[in-house]
């Protein structure tokens, strides 16, 4: 059975990459044509240096792998250079 979540329930949830790295938290949802188009993520300060000092990024919904107690996003969707992340 499909579990439906309210968008307001997802706001503020922690965001992790599929590699297990903490990335930030959900700050806002962008809707288009009555469905989720993308998510605005507030980046944690420890990751900001890896993405050029940006405080947030917008991730298309297609790169979200799971939404539960936390949100899991595909690491390939993030503007992080692999050689910089340990």
Protein backbone atom coordinates (compact mmCIF):
# COMPACT_ATOMS: atom_id res chain seq x y z
CA UNK A 1 0.00 0.00 0.00
CA UNK A 2 1.32 3.44 -0.94
CA UNK A 3 1.86 5.73 2.03
CA UNK A 4 1.08 9.33 1.18
CA UNK A 5 2.84 12.10 3.07
CA UNK A 6 1.87 15.73 3.33
CA UNK A 7 4.45 18.11 1.95
CA UNK A 8 4.38 20.00 5.24
CA UNK A 9 5.48 16.78 7.00
CA UNK A 10 8.64 16.65 4.87
CA UNK A 11 9.76 20.23 5.51
CA UNK A 12 12.63 20.36 8.00
CA UNK A 13 13.65 16.71 7.55
CA UNK A 14 17.36 15.91 7.40
CA UNK A 15 18.76 15.09 3.97
CA UNK A 16 21.41 12.42 3.44
CA UNK A 17 23.09 11.23 0.27
CA UNK A 18 22.80 7.61 -0.81
CA UNK A 19 26.46 7.33 0.23
CA UNK A 20 25.48 8.14 3.84
CA UNK A 21 26.76 11.73 4.02
CA UNK A 22 24.60 14.34 5.73
CA UNK A 23 23.83 17.08 3.25
CA UNK A 24 21.28 19.40 4.82
CA UNK A 25 17.57 19.72 5.47
CA UNK A 26 14.46 20.27 3.39
CA UNK A 27 13.62 23.97 3.35
CA UNK A 28 10.98 24.27 0.65
CA UNK A 29 9.12 22.33 -2.01
CA UNK A 30 8.60 23.53 -5.58
CA UNK A 31 5.36 22.38 -7.19
CA UNK A 32 4.52 22.19 -10.87
CA UNK A 33 1.33 20.90 -12.48
CA UNK A 34 -0.04 19.61 -9.15
CA UNK A 35 3.01 17.48 -8.34
CA UNK A 36 6.39 17.91 -6.67
CA UNK A 37 8.91 19.29 -9.15
CA UNK A 38 11.94 19.88 -6.92
CA UNK A 39 13.14 20.39 -3.36
CA UNK A 40 15.15 23.29 -1.96
CA UNK A 41 17.70 22.00 0.51
CA UNK A 42 19.46 24.14 3.09
CA UNK A 43 23.03 22.84 3.08
CA UNK A 44 24.77 22.10 6.38
CA UNK A 45 27.76 24.35 6.98
CA UNK A 46 30.26 21.48 6.76
CA UNK A 47 29.15 20.75 3.15
CA UNK A 48 28.90 24.36 1.95
CA UNK A 49 32.60 24.54 1.10
CA UNK A 50 32.24 21.53 -1.22
CA UNK A 51 29.61 23.29 -3.32
CA UNK A 52 31.27 26.66 -3.65
CA UNK A 53 29.94 28.20 -0.44
CA UNK A 54 26.26 28.03 -1.45
CA UNK A 55 23.77 27.95 1.41
CA UNK A 56 21.28 25.88 -0.50
CA UNK A 57 20.61 23.87 -3.64
CA UNK A 58 17.56 22.80 -5.60
CA UNK A 59 17.34 19.08 -6.31
CA UNK A 60 14.85 17.76 -8.89
CA UNK A 61 12.38 15.31 -7.35
CA UNK A 62 13.53 12.51 -9.65
CA UNK A 63 16.79 12.33 -7.65
CA UNK A 64 15.01 11.71 -4.34
CA UNK A 65 15.37 8.02 -3.54
CA UNK A 66 13.37 7.82 -0.31
CA UNK A 67 11.33 9.94 2.06
CA UNK A 68 10.77 8.67 5.59
CA UNK A 69 12.30 9.76 8.87
CA UNK A 70 15.00 11.32 6.69
CA UNK A 71 15.26 12.12 2.97
CA UNK A 72 17.74 10.19 0.83
CA UNK A 73 18.95 11.82 -2.39
CA UNK A 74 21.17 10.50 -5.13
CA UNK A 75 24.72 11.76 -4.65
CA UNK A 76 25.10 12.16 -8.43
CA UNK A 77 22.45 14.92 -8.36
CA UNK A 78 24.49 17.08 -6.02
CA UNK A 79 27.00 19.66 -7.22
CA UNK A 80 29.86 18.02 -5.29
CA UNK A 81 33.16 17.09 -6.84
CA UNK A 82 34.04 13.52 -5.79
CA UNK A 83 37.71 14.21 -5.21
CA UNK A 84 36.86 16.78 -2.50
CA UNK A 85 34.62 14.58 -0.34
CA UNK A 86 36.30 12.12 1.99
